[in-house]
PDB file of N, CA and C in Angstrom:
ATOM      1  N   UNK A   1      -8.107 -14.580 -19.697  1.00  0.00           N
ATOM      2  CA  UNK A   1      -7.908 -14.206 -21.066  1.00  0.00           C
ATOM      3  C   UNK A   1      -8.235 -15.384 -21.991  1.00  0.00           C
ATOM      4  N   UNK A   2      -7.783 -16.569 -21.614  1.00  0.00           N
ATOM      5  CA  UNK A   2      -8.030 -17.733 -22.466  1.00  0.00           C
ATOM      6  C   UNK A   2      -9.522 -17.995 -22.643  1.00  0.00           C
ATOM      7  N   UNK A   3     -10.294 -17.791 -21.588  1.00  0.00           N
ATOM      8  CA  UNK A   3     -11.724 -18.075 -21.653  1.00  0.00           C
ATOM      9  C   UNK A   3     -12.500 -16.917 -22.282  1.00  0.00           C
ATOM     10  N   UNK A   4     -12.321 -15.713 -21.734  1.00  0.00           N
ATOM     11  CA  UNK A   4     -13.165 -14.595 -22.135  1.00  0.00           C
ATOM     12  C   UNK A   4     -12.725 -13.914 -23.424  1.00  0.00           C
ATOM     13  N   UNK A   5     -11.442 -13.925 -23.744  1.00  0.00           N
ATOM     14  CA  UNK A   5     -10.991 -13.298 -24.986  1.00  0.00           C
ATOM     15  C   UNK A   5     -10.756 -14.298 -26.102  1.00  0.00           C
ATOM     16  N   UNK A   6     -10.208 -15.465 -25.765  1.00  0.00           N
ATOM     17  CA  UNK A   6      -9.914 -16.459 -26.786  1.00  0.00           C
ATOM     18  C   UNK A   6     -11.046 -17.454 -26.994  1.00  0.00           C
ATOM     19  N   UNK A   7     -11.989 -17.499 -26.062  1.00  0.00           N
ATOM     20  CA  UNK A   7     -13.147 -18.373 -26.211  1.00  0.00           C
ATOM     21  C   UNK A   7     -12.906 -19.837 -25.894  1.00  0.00           C
ATOM     22  N   UNK A   8     -11.831 -20.137 -25.150  1.00  0.00           N
ATOM     23  CA  UNK A   8     -11.581 -21.533 -24.800  1.00  0.00           C
ATOM     24  C   UNK A   8     -12.537 -21.995 -23.705  1.00  0.00           C
ATOM     25  N   UNK A   9     -12.983 -23.226 -23.807  1.00  0.00           N
ATOM     26  CA  UNK A   9     -13.829 -23.826 -22.771  1.00  0.00           C
ATOM     27  C   UNK A   9     -12.976 -24.099 -21.531  1.00  0.00           C
ATOM     28  N   UNK A  10     -13.633 -24.200 -20.382  1.00  0.00           N
ATOM     29  CA  UNK A  10     -12.912 -24.472 -19.136  1.00  0.00           C
ATOM     30  C   UNK A  10     -12.058 -25.728 -19.237  1.00  0.00           C
ATOM     31  N   UNK A  11     -12.598 -26.772 -19.837  1.00  0.00           N
ATOM     32  CA  UNK A  11     -11.851 -28.020 -19.976  1.00  0.00           C
ATOM     33  C   UNK A  11     -10.573 -27.847 -20.780  1.00  0.00           C
ATOM     34  N   UNK A  12     -10.625 -27.023 -21.811  1.00  0.00           N
ATOM     35  CA  UNK A  12      -9.434 -26.758 -22.616  1.00  0.00           C
ATOM     36  C   UNK A  12      -8.377 -26.001 -21.811  1.00  0.00           C
ATOM     37  N   UNK A  13      -8.824 -25.069 -21.002  1.00  0.00           N
ATOM     38  CA  UNK A  13      -7.888 -24.304 -20.169  1.00  0.00           C
ATOM     39  C   UNK A  13      -7.250 -25.213 -19.131  1.00  0.00           C
ATOM     40  N   UNK A  14      -8.055 -26.057 -18.511  1.00  0.00           N
ATOM     41  CA  UNK A  14      -7.535 -27.005 -17.522  1.00  0.00           C
ATOM     42  C   UNK A  14      -6.502 -27.914 -18.181  1.00  0.00           C
ATOM     43  N   UNK A  15      -6.817 -28.435 -19.356  1.00  0.00           N
ATOM     44  CA  UNK A  15      -5.866 -29.299 -20.063  1.00  0.00           C
ATOM     45  C   UNK A  15      -4.564 -28.562 -20.374  1.00  0.00           C
ATOM     46  N   UNK A  16      -4.668 -27.318 -20.791  1.00  0.00           N
ATOM     47  CA  UNK A  16      -3.479 -26.526 -21.110  1.00  0.00           C
ATOM     48  C   UNK A  16      -2.605 -26.341 -19.874  1.00  0.00           C
ATOM     49  N   UNK A  17      -3.219 -25.933 -18.773  1.00  0.00           N
ATOM     50  CA  UNK A  17      -2.456 -25.725 -17.544  1.00  0.00           C
ATOM     51  C   UNK A  17      -1.866 -27.033 -17.026  1.00  0.00           C
ATOM     52  N   UNK A  18      -2.649 -28.082 -17.030  1.00  0.00           N
ATOM     53  CA  UNK A  18      -2.195 -29.347 -16.471  1.00  0.00           C
ATOM     54  C   UNK A  18      -1.124 -30.024 -17.329  1.00  0.00           C
ATOM     55  N   UNK A  19      -1.273 -29.976 -18.643  1.00  0.00           N
ATOM     56  CA  UNK A  19      -0.322 -30.686 -19.505  1.00  0.00           C
ATOM     57  C   UNK A  19       0.879 -29.817 -19.872  1.00  0.00           C
ATOM     58  N   UNK A  20       0.618 -28.690 -20.506  1.00  0.00           N
ATOM     59  CA  UNK A  20       1.711 -27.869 -21.031  1.00  0.00           C
ATOM     60  C   UNK A  20       2.462 -27.107 -19.937  1.00  0.00           C
ATOM     61  N   UNK A  21       1.747 -26.578 -18.990  1.00  0.00           N
ATOM     62  CA  UNK A  21       2.383 -25.780 -17.943  1.00  0.00           C
ATOM     63  C   UNK A  21       2.672 -26.584 -16.676  1.00  0.00           C
ATOM     64  N   UNK A  22       2.186 -27.824 -16.649  1.00  0.00           N
ATOM     65  CA  UNK A  22       2.380 -28.722 -15.514  1.00  0.00           C
ATOM     66  C   UNK A  22       1.929 -28.098 -14.191  1.00  0.00           C
ATOM     67  N   UNK A  23       0.785 -27.399 -14.273  1.00  0.00           N
ATOM     68  CA  UNK A  23       0.161 -26.816 -13.079  1.00  0.00           C
ATOM     69  C   UNK A  23      -1.151 -27.570 -12.858  1.00  0.00           C
ATOM     70  N   UNK A  24      -1.380 -28.042 -11.679  1.00  0.00           N
ATOM     71  CA  UNK A  24      -2.601 -28.796 -11.395  1.00  0.00           C
ATOM     72  C   UNK A  24      -3.731 -27.834 -11.058  1.00  0.00           C
ATOM     73  N   UNK A  25      -4.687 -27.707 -11.969  1.00  0.00           N
ATOM     74  CA  UNK A  25      -5.874 -26.893 -11.732  1.00  0.00           C
ATOM     75  C   UNK A  25      -7.106 -27.692 -12.137  1.00  0.00           C
ATOM     76  N   UNK A  26      -8.252 -27.269 -11.632  1.00  0.00           N
ATOM     77  CA  UNK A  26      -9.536 -27.868 -11.986  1.00  0.00           C
ATOM     78  C   UNK A  26     -10.452 -26.766 -12.505  1.00  0.00           C
ATOM     79  N   UNK A  27     -11.524 -27.150 -13.164  1.00  0.00           N
ATOM     80  CA  UNK A  27     -12.511 -26.173 -13.634  1.00  0.00           C
ATOM     81  C   UNK A  27     -13.080 -25.384 -12.461  1.00  0.00           C
ATOM     82  N   UNK A  28     -13.418 -26.083 -11.394  1.00  0.00           N
ATOM     83  CA  UNK A  28     -13.956 -25.419 -10.201  1.00  0.00           C
ATOM     84  C   UNK A  28     -12.953 -24.450  -9.594  1.00  0.00           C
ATOM     85  N   UNK A  29     -11.673 -24.833  -9.609  1.00  0.00           N
ATOM     86  CA  UNK A  29     -10.634 -23.953  -9.087  1.00  0.00           C
ATOM     87  C   UNK A  29     -10.514 -22.675  -9.894  1.00  0.00           C
ATOM     88  N   UNK A  30     -10.612 -22.800 -11.225  1.00  0.00           N
ATOM     89  CA  UNK A  30     -10.568 -21.610 -12.072  1.00  0.00           C
ATOM     90  C   UNK A  30     -11.733 -20.675 -11.778  1.00  0.00           C
ATOM     91  N   UNK A  31     -12.926 -21.232 -11.658  1.00  0.00           N
ATOM     92  CA  UNK A  31     -14.106 -20.408 -11.381  1.00  0.00           C
ATOM     93  C   UNK A  31     -13.967 -19.723 -10.020  1.00  0.00           C
ATOM     94  N   UNK A  32     -13.465 -20.439  -9.020  1.00  0.00           N
ATOM     95  CA  UNK A  32     -13.241 -19.828  -7.706  1.00  0.00           C
ATOM     96  C   UNK A  32     -12.241 -18.685  -7.793  1.00  0.00           C
ATOM     97  N   UNK A  33     -11.176 -18.856  -8.593  1.00  0.00           N
ATOM     98  CA  UNK A  33     -10.198 -17.780  -8.765  1.00  0.00           C
ATOM     99  C   UNK A  33     -10.844 -16.560  -9.416  1.00  0.00           C
ATOM    100  N   UNK A  34     -11.708 -16.781 -10.413  1.00  0.00           N
ATOM    101  CA  UNK A  34     -12.382 -15.664 -11.085  1.00  0.00           C
ATOM    102  C   UNK A  34     -13.293 -14.930 -10.110  1.00  0.00           C
ATOM    103  N   UNK A  35     -13.976 -15.666  -9.253  1.00  0.00           N
ATOM    104  CA  UNK A  35     -14.859 -15.024  -8.270  1.00  0.00           C
ATOM    105  C   UNK A  35     -14.050 -14.209  -7.264  1.00  0.00           C
ATOM    106  N   UNK A  36     -12.925 -14.753  -6.811  1.00  0.00           N
ATOM    107  CA  UNK A  36     -12.069 -14.001  -5.880  1.00  0.00           C
ATOM    108  C   UNK A  36     -11.512 -12.751  -6.550  1.00  0.00           C
ATOM    109  N   UNK A  37     -11.130 -12.870  -7.808  1.00  0.00           N
ATOM    110  CA  UNK A  37     -10.629 -11.709  -8.532  1.00  0.00           C
ATOM    111  C   UNK A  37     -11.726 -10.656  -8.684  1.00  0.00           C
ATOM    112  N   UNK A  38     -12.940 -11.087  -8.986  1.00  0.00           N
ATOM    113  CA  UNK A  38     -14.066 -10.151  -9.095  1.00  0.00           C
ATOM    114  C   UNK A  38     -14.284  -9.423  -7.771  1.00  0.00           C
ATOM    115  N   UNK A  39     -14.210 -10.133  -6.668  1.00  0.00           N
ATOM    116  CA  UNK A  39     -14.360  -9.503  -5.352  1.00  0.00           C
ATOM    117  C   UNK A  39     -13.275  -8.447  -5.114  1.00  0.00           C
ATOM    118  N   UNK A  40     -12.039  -8.758  -5.517  1.00  0.00           N
ATOM    119  CA  UNK A  40     -10.931  -7.819  -5.338  1.00  0.00           C
ATOM    120  C   UNK A  40     -11.086  -6.571  -6.205  1.00  0.00           C
ATOM    121  N   UNK A  41     -11.601  -6.736  -7.411  1.00  0.00           N
ATOM    122  CA  UNK A  41     -11.681  -5.627  -8.355  1.00  0.00           C
ATOM    123  C   UNK A  41     -12.977  -4.831  -8.270  1.00  0.00           C
ATOM    124  N   UNK A  42     -13.961  -5.315  -7.527  1.00  0.00           N
ATOM    125  CA  UNK A  42     -15.273  -4.680  -7.512  1.00  0.00           C
ATOM    126  C   UNK A  42     -15.218  -3.232  -7.044  1.00  0.00           C
ATOM    127  N   UNK A  43     -14.415  -2.914  -6.050  1.00  0.00           N
ATOM    128  CA  UNK A  43     -14.356  -1.528  -5.564  1.00  0.00           C
ATOM    129  C   UNK A  43     -13.799  -0.611  -6.656  1.00  0.00           C
ATOM    130  N   UNK A  44     -12.848  -1.083  -7.449  1.00  0.00           N
ATOM    131  CA  UNK A  44     -12.334  -0.282  -8.572  1.00  0.00           C
ATOM    132  C   UNK A  44     -13.410  -0.088  -9.629  1.00  0.00           C
ATOM    133  N   UNK A  45     -14.189  -1.117  -9.880  1.00  0.00           N
ATOM    134  CA  UNK A  45     -15.287  -1.058 -10.843  1.00  0.00           C
ATOM    135  C   UNK A  45     -16.290   0.012 -10.421  1.00  0.00           C
ATOM    136  N   UNK A  46     -16.650   0.022  -9.148  1.00  0.00           N
ATOM    137  CA  UNK A  46     -17.583   1.031  -8.631  1.00  0.00           C
ATOM    138  C   UNK A  46     -16.961   2.425  -8.660  1.00  0.00           C
ATOM    139  N   UNK A  47     -15.667   2.524  -8.438  1.00  0.00           N
ATOM    140  CA  UNK A  47     -14.980   3.820  -8.491  1.00  0.00           C
ATOM    141  C   UNK A  47     -15.026   4.387  -9.917  1.00  0.00           C
ATOM    142  N   UNK A  48     -14.802   3.548 -10.905  1.00  0.00           N
ATOM    143  CA  UNK A  48     -14.886   3.989 -12.303  1.00  0.00           C
ATOM    144  C   UNK A  48     -16.297   4.461 -12.610  1.00  0.00           C
ATOM    145  N   UNK A  49     -17.289   3.731 -12.136  1.00  0.00           N
ATOM    146  CA  UNK A  49     -18.693   4.103 -12.308  1.00  0.00           C
ATOM    147  C   UNK A  49     -18.932   5.508 -11.764  1.00  0.00           C
ATOM    148  N   UNK A  50     -18.502   5.762 -10.544  1.00  0.00           N
ATOM    149  CA  UNK A  50     -18.691   7.071  -9.912  1.00  0.00           C
ATOM    150  C   UNK A  50     -17.960   8.176 -10.667  1.00  0.00           C
ATOM    151  N   UNK A  51     -16.727   7.907 -11.081  1.00  0.00           N
ATOM    152  CA  UNK A  51     -15.946   8.926 -11.785  1.00  0.00           C
ATOM    153  C   UNK A  51     -16.604   9.343 -13.094  1.00  0.00           C
ATOM    154  N   UNK A  52     -17.182   8.393 -13.800  1.00  0.00           N
ATOM    155  CA  UNK A  52     -17.848   8.729 -15.056  1.00  0.00           C
ATOM    156  C   UNK A  52     -19.095   9.561 -14.788  1.00  0.00           C
ATOM    157  N   UNK A  53     -19.863   9.205 -13.758  1.00  0.00           N
ATOM    158  CA  UNK A  53     -21.066   9.976 -13.434  1.00  0.00           C
ATOM    159  C   UNK A  53     -20.730  11.381 -12.943  1.00  0.00           C
ATOM    160  N   UNK A  54     -19.547  11.571 -12.390  1.00  0.00           N
ATOM    161  CA  UNK A  54     -19.144  12.889 -11.896  1.00  0.00           C
ATOM    162  C   UNK A  54     -18.537  13.767 -12.987  1.00  0.00           C
ATOM    163  N   UNK A  55     -18.309  13.225 -14.171  1.00  0.00           N
ATOM    164  CA  UNK A  55     -17.698  13.997 -15.247  1.00  0.00           C
ATOM    165  C   UNK A  55     -18.741  14.910 -15.907  1.00  0.00           C
ATOM    166  N   UNK A  56     -18.264  15.883 -16.656  1.00  0.00           N
ATOM    167  CA  UNK A  56     -19.147  16.834 -17.328  1.00  0.00           C
ATOM    168  C   UNK A  56     -19.883  16.194 -18.500  1.00  0.00           C
ATOM    169  N   UNK A  57     -19.280  15.162 -19.076  1.00  0.00           N
ATOM    170  CA  UNK A  57     -19.919  14.456 -20.191  1.00  0.00           C
ATOM    171  C   UNK A  57     -19.454  13.005 -20.203  1.00  0.00           C
ATOM    172  N   UNK A  58     -20.288  12.152 -20.766  1.00  0.00           N
ATOM    173  CA  UNK A  58     -19.858  10.782 -21.019  1.00  0.00           C
ATOM    174  C   UNK A  58     -20.581  10.233 -22.227  1.00  0.00           C
ATOM    175  N   UNK A  59     -19.979   9.241 -22.827  1.00  0.00           N
ATOM    176  CA  UNK A  59     -20.505   8.573 -24.013  1.00  0.00           C
ATOM    177  C   UNK A  59     -21.153   7.260 -23.589  1.00  0.00           C
ATOM    178  N   UNK A  60     -22.215   6.879 -24.288  1.00  0.00           N
ATOM    179  CA  UNK A  60     -22.865   5.596 -24.036  1.00  0.00           C
ATOM    180  C   UNK A  60     -23.087   4.886 -25.368  1.00  0.00           C
ATOM    181  N   UNK A  61     -22.793   3.605 -25.407  1.00  0.00           N
ATOM    182  CA  UNK A  61     -23.019   2.819 -26.612  1.00  0.00           C
ATOM    183  C   UNK A  61     -23.168   1.357 -26.208  1.00  0.00           C
ATOM    184  N   UNK A  62     -23.731   0.559 -27.088  1.00  0.00           N
ATOM    185  CA  UNK A  62     -23.864  -0.869 -26.811  1.00  0.00           C
ATOM    186  C   UNK A  62     -23.703  -1.654 -28.088  1.00  0.00           C
ATOM    187  N   UNK A  63     -23.373  -2.923 -27.900  1.00  0.00           N
ATOM    188  CA  UNK A  63     -23.263  -3.848 -29.021  1.00  0.00           C
ATOM    189  C   UNK A  63     -23.797  -5.200 -28.568  1.00  0.00           C
ATOM    190  N   UNK A  64     -24.282  -5.985 -29.498  1.00  0.00           N
ATOM    191  CA  UNK A  64     -24.810  -7.305 -29.152  1.00  0.00           C
ATOM    192  C   UNK A  64     -23.745  -8.186 -28.518  1.00  0.00           C
ATOM    193  N   UNK A  65     -24.190  -9.024 -27.568  1.00  0.00           N
ATOM    194  CA  UNK A  65     -23.268  -9.884 -26.820  1.00  0.00           C
ATOM    195  C   UNK A  65     -24.015 -11.157 -26.474  1.00  0.00           C
ATOM    196  N   UNK A  66     -23.463 -12.299 -26.833  1.00  0.00           N
ATOM    197  CA  UNK A  66     -24.138 -13.574 -26.571  1.00  0.00           C
ATOM    198  C   UNK A  66     -23.753 -14.106 -25.191  1.00  0.00           C
ATOM    199  N   UNK A  67     -24.762 -14.499 -24.429  1.00  0.00           N
ATOM    200  CA  UNK A  67     -24.563 -15.124 -23.120  1.00  0.00           C
ATOM    201  C   UNK A  67     -25.389 -16.401 -23.123  1.00  0.00           C
ATOM    202  N   UNK A  68     -24.717 -17.525 -23.081  1.00  0.00           N
ATOM    203  CA  UNK A  68     -25.391 -18.836 -23.105  1.00  0.00           C
ATOM    204  C   UNK A  68     -26.390 -18.939 -24.256  1.00  0.00           C
ATOM    205  N   UNK A  69     -25.999 -18.448 -25.420  1.00  0.00           N
ATOM    206  CA  UNK A  69     -26.850 -18.545 -26.600  1.00  0.00           C
ATOM    207  C   UNK A  69     -27.932 -17.496 -26.701  1.00  0.00           C
ATOM    208  N   UNK A  70     -28.061 -16.624 -25.724  1.00  0.00           N
ATOM    209  CA  UNK A  70     -29.087 -15.579 -25.715  1.00  0.00           C
ATOM    210  C   UNK A  70     -28.447 -14.224 -25.998  1.00  0.00           C
ATOM    211  N   UNK A  71     -29.171 -13.365 -26.732  1.00  0.00           N
ATOM    212  CA  UNK A  71     -28.645 -12.035 -27.021  1.00  0.00           C
ATOM    213  C   UNK A  71     -28.766 -11.140 -25.794  1.00  0.00           C
ATOM    214  N   UNK A  72     -27.667 -10.583 -25.405  1.00  0.00           N
ATOM    215  CA  UNK A  72     -27.587  -9.558 -24.369  1.00  0.00           C
ATOM    216  C   UNK A  72     -26.888  -8.365 -25.008  1.00  0.00           C
ATOM    217  N   UNK A  73     -26.565  -7.365 -24.207  1.00  0.00           N
ATOM    218  CA  UNK A  73     -25.922  -6.168 -24.727  1.00  0.00           C
ATOM    219  C   UNK A  73     -24.717  -5.831 -23.873  1.00  0.00           C
ATOM    220  N   UNK A  74     -23.593  -5.594 -24.523  1.00  0.00           N
ATOM    221  CA  UNK A  74     -22.406  -5.088 -23.848  1.00  0.00           C
ATOM    222  C   UNK A  74     -22.504  -3.572 -23.929  1.00  0.00           C
ATOM    223  N   UNK A  75     -22.764  -2.946 -22.784  1.00  0.00           N
ATOM    224  CA  UNK A  75     -22.926  -1.496 -22.713  1.00  0.00           C
ATOM    225  C   UNK A  75     -21.614  -0.877 -22.271  1.00  0.00           C
ATOM    226  N   UNK A  76     -21.226   0.187 -22.948  1.00  0.00           N
ATOM    227  CA  UNK A  76     -20.009   0.917 -22.599  1.00  0.00           C
ATOM    228  C   UNK A  76     -20.391   2.345 -22.254  1.00  0.00           C
ATOM    229  N   UNK A  77     -19.937   2.799 -21.110  1.00  0.00           N
ATOM    230  CA  UNK A  77     -20.111   4.177 -20.680  1.00  0.00           C
ATOM    231  C   UNK A  77     -18.704   4.714 -20.451  1.00  0.00           C
ATOM    232  N   UNK A  78     -18.349   5.789 -21.139  1.00  0.00           N
ATOM    233  CA  UNK A  78     -16.964   6.250 -21.078  1.00  0.00           C
ATOM    234  C   UNK A  78     -16.875   7.767 -21.063  1.00  0.00           C
ATOM    235  N   UNK A  79     -15.870   8.267 -20.340  1.00  0.00           N
ATOM    236  CA  UNK A  79     -15.516   9.677 -20.424  1.00  0.00           C
ATOM    237  C   UNK A  79     -14.115   9.754 -21.033  1.00  0.00           C
ATOM    238  N   UNK A  80     -13.451  10.888 -20.911  1.00  0.00           N
ATOM    239  CA  UNK A  80     -12.133  11.038 -21.527  1.00  0.00           C
ATOM    240  C   UNK A  80     -11.070  10.156 -20.887  1.00  0.00           C
ATOM    241  N   UNK A  81     -11.287   9.716 -19.653  1.00  0.00           N
ATOM    242  CA  UNK A  81     -10.265   8.988 -18.910  1.00  0.00           C
ATOM    243  C   UNK A  81     -10.592   7.535 -18.603  1.00  0.00           C
ATOM    244  N   UNK A  82     -11.864   7.169 -18.609  1.00  0.00           N
ATOM    245  CA  UNK A  82     -12.253   5.842 -18.125  1.00  0.00           C
ATOM    246  C   UNK A  82     -13.346   5.232 -18.988  1.00  0.00           C
ATOM    247  N   UNK A  83     -13.448   3.914 -18.908  1.00  0.00           N
ATOM    248  CA  UNK A  83     -14.529   3.187 -19.580  1.00  0.00           C
ATOM    249  C   UNK A  83     -15.112   2.180 -18.603  1.00  0.00           C
ATOM    250  N   UNK A  84     -16.438   2.090 -18.569  1.00  0.00           N
ATOM    251  CA  UNK A  84     -17.173   1.198 -17.680  1.00  0.00           C
ATOM    252  C   UNK A  84     -18.012   0.289 -18.566  1.00  0.00           C
ATOM    253  N   UNK A  85     -17.855  -1.012 -18.404  1.00  0.00           N
ATOM    254  CA  UNK A  85     -18.592  -1.983 -19.215  1.00  0.00           C
ATOM    255  C   UNK A  85     -19.552  -2.771 -18.331  1.00  0.00           C
ATOM    256  N   UNK A  86     -20.713  -3.059 -18.899  1.00  0.00           N
ATOM    257  CA  UNK A  86     -21.703  -3.881 -18.196  1.00  0.00           C
ATOM    258  C   UNK A  86     -22.450  -4.691 -19.245  1.00  0.00           C
ATOM    259  N   UNK A  87     -22.618  -5.973 -18.982  1.00  0.00           N
ATOM    260  CA  UNK A  87     -23.433  -6.818 -19.855  1.00  0.00           C
ATOM    261  C   UNK A  87     -24.835  -6.828 -19.275  1.00  0.00           C
ATOM    262  N   UNK A  88     -25.816  -6.536 -20.135  1.00  0.00           N
ATOM    263  CA  UNK A  88     -27.192  -6.380 -19.664  1.00  0.00           C
ATOM    264  C   UNK A  88     -28.139  -7.070 -20.634  1.00  0.00           C
ATOM    265  N   UNK A  89     -29.249  -7.554 -20.142  1.00  0.00           N
ATOM    266  CA  UNK A  89     -30.268  -8.145 -21.020  1.00  0.00           C
ATOM    267  C   UNK A  89     -31.014  -7.071 -21.792  1.00  0.00           C
ATOM    268  N   UNK A  90     -31.016  -5.864 -21.257  1.00  0.00           N
ATOM    269  CA  UNK A  90     -31.760  -4.760 -21.862  1.00  0.00           C
ATOM    270  C   UNK A  90     -30.846  -3.886 -22.704  1.00  0.00           C
ATOM    271  N   UNK A  91     -31.466  -3.209 -23.612  1.00  0.00           N
ATOM    272  CA  UNK A  91     -30.740  -2.323 -24.509  1.00  0.00           C
ATOM    273  C   UNK A  91     -31.159  -0.883 -24.223  1.00  0.00           C
ATOM    274  N   UNK A  92     -30.296   0.033 -24.436  1.00  0.00           N
ATOM    275  CA  UNK A  92     -30.498   1.476 -24.425  1.00  0.00           C
ATOM    276  C   UNK A  92     -31.046   1.984 -23.090  1.00  0.00           C
ATOM    277  N   UNK A  93     -32.294   2.402 -23.050  1.00  0.00           N
ATOM    278  CA  UNK A  93     -32.833   3.119 -21.897  1.00  0.00           C
ATOM    279  C   UNK A  93     -32.778   2.334 -20.587  1.00  0.00           C
ATOM    280  N   UNK A  94     -33.239   1.083 -20.529  1.00  0.00           N
ATOM    281  CA  UNK A  94     -33.163   0.367 -19.248  1.00  0.00           C
ATOM    282  C   UNK A  94     -31.728   0.202 -18.741  1.00  0.00           C
ATOM    283  N   UNK A  95     -30.794  -0.077 -19.651  1.00  0.00           N
ATOM    284  CA  UNK A  95     -29.398  -0.217 -19.236  1.00  0.00           C
ATOM    285  C   UNK A  95     -28.840   1.117 -18.765  1.00  0.00           C
ATOM    286  N   UNK A  96     -29.208   2.197 -19.433  1.00  0.00           N
ATOM    287  CA  UNK A  96     -28.753   3.527 -19.026  1.00  0.00           C
ATOM    288  C   UNK A  96     -29.322   3.897 -17.658  1.00  0.00           C
ATOM    289  N   UNK A  97     -30.579   3.560 -17.416  1.00  0.00           N
ATOM    290  CA  UNK A  97     -31.189   3.852 -16.118  1.00  0.00           C
ATOM    291  C   UNK A  97     -30.498   3.085 -14.987  1.00  0.00           C
ATOM    292  N   UNK A  98     -30.008   1.889 -15.261  1.00  0.00           N
ATOM    293  CA  UNK A  98     -29.270   1.130 -14.251  1.00  0.00           C
ATOM    294  C   UNK A  98     -27.904   1.763 -13.992  1.00  0.00           C
ATOM    295  N   UNK A  99     -27.309   2.363 -15.041  1.00  0.00           N
ATOM    296  CA  UNK A  99     -25.996   2.989 -14.881  1.00  0.00           C
ATOM    297  C   UNK A  99     -26.095   4.335 -14.164  1.00  0.00           C
ATOM    298  N   UNK A 100     -27.040   5.161 -14.578  1.00  0.00           N
ATOM    299  CA  UNK A 100     -27.187   6.491 -13.980  1.00  0.00           C
ATOM    300  C   UNK A 100     -28.018   6.339 -12.709  1.00  0.00           C
ATOM    301  N   UNK A 101     -27.322   6.154 -11.598  1.00  0.00           N
ATOM    302  CA  UNK A 101     -27.963   5.866 -10.314  1.00  0.00           C
ATOM    303  C   UNK A 101     -28.193   7.120  -9.480  1.00  0.00           C
ATOM    304  N   UNK A 102     -27.776   8.268  -9.986  1.00  0.00           N
ATOM    305  CA  UNK A 102     -27.973   9.539  -9.297  1.00  0.00           C
ATOM    306  C   UNK A 102     -28.233  10.596 -10.357  1.00  0.00           C
ATOM    307  N   UNK A 103     -28.598  11.786  -9.947  1.00  0.00           N
ATOM    308  CA  UNK A 103     -28.868  12.860 -10.899  1.00  0.00           C
ATOM    309  C   UNK A 103     -27.599  13.173 -11.673  1.00  0.00           C
ATOM    310  N   UNK A 104     -27.704  13.172 -12.988  1.00  0.00           N
ATOM    311  CA  UNK A 104     -26.571  13.514 -13.849  1.00  0.00           C
ATOM    312  C   UNK A 104     -26.903  14.810 -14.552  1.00  0.00           C
ATOM    313  N   UNK A 105     -26.106  15.835 -14.309  1.00  0.00           N
ATOM    314  CA  UNK A 105     -26.384  17.150 -14.873  1.00  0.00           C
ATOM    315  C   UNK A 105     -25.467  17.495 -16.038  1.00  0.00           C
ATOM    316  N   UNK A 106     -24.706  16.531 -16.518  1.00  0.00           N
ATOM    317  CA  UNK A 106     -23.787  16.772 -17.619  1.00  0.00           C
ATOM    318  C   UNK A 106     -24.414  16.452 -18.956  1.00  0.00           C
ATOM    319  N   UNK A 107     -23.582  16.172 -19.927  1.00  0.00           N
ATOM    320  CA  UNK A 107     -24.015  15.878 -21.285  1.00  0.00           C
ATOM    321  C   UNK A 107     -23.788  14.395 -21.585  1.00  0.00           C
ATOM    322  N   UNK A 108     -24.834  13.749 -22.081  1.00  0.00           N
ATOM    323  CA  UNK A 108     -24.748  12.349 -22.501  1.00  0.00           C
ATOM    324  C   UNK A 108     -24.610  12.321 -24.015  1.00  0.00           C
ATOM    325  N   UNK A 109     -23.569  11.678 -24.507  1.00  0.00           N
ATOM    326  CA  UNK A 109     -23.314  11.590 -25.941  1.00  0.00           C
ATOM    327  C   UNK A 109     -23.606  10.156 -26.405  1.00  0.00           C
ATOM    328  N   UNK A 110     -24.474  10.021 -27.409  1.00  0.00           N
ATOM    329  CA  UNK A 110     -24.840   8.709 -27.933  1.00  0.00           C
ATOM    330  C   UNK A 110     -24.932   8.766 -29.444  1.00  0.00           C
ATOM    331  N   UNK A 111     -25.154   7.629 -30.061  1.00  0.00           N
ATOM    332  CA  UNK A 111     -25.354   7.589 -31.504  1.00  0.00           C
ATOM    333  C   UNK A 111     -26.823   7.450 -31.881  1.00  0.00           C
ATOM    334  N   UNK A 112     -27.726   7.696 -30.916  1.00  0.00           N
ATOM    335  CA  UNK A 112     -29.143   7.631 -31.249  1.00  0.00           C
ATOM    336  C   UNK A 112     -29.836   8.940 -30.999  1.00  0.00           C
TER     337      UNK A 112
END
């Protein structure tokens, strides 16, 4: 949360944990924890992807997203119950083609 939502640099997070919370962490340790968490959550991420593709309709939208100073797109695909997010270098059609990995016979709702 401190890094991705609040925008703190790794060094700032390490300083916060080490000084204020008196927990010994390193930048590398934080990154390793994020990778392990991603591995744990990946099956849920894929399950959400499948559930949205199996629904009768879903919404698709994107907004600009900066990654290392370069413009990318935060794509959101959502149905009534779930939301699936993916950051992609491409906008609109290429990102949608990466999301729709099987035949979709429902309704796609967009603002374009």
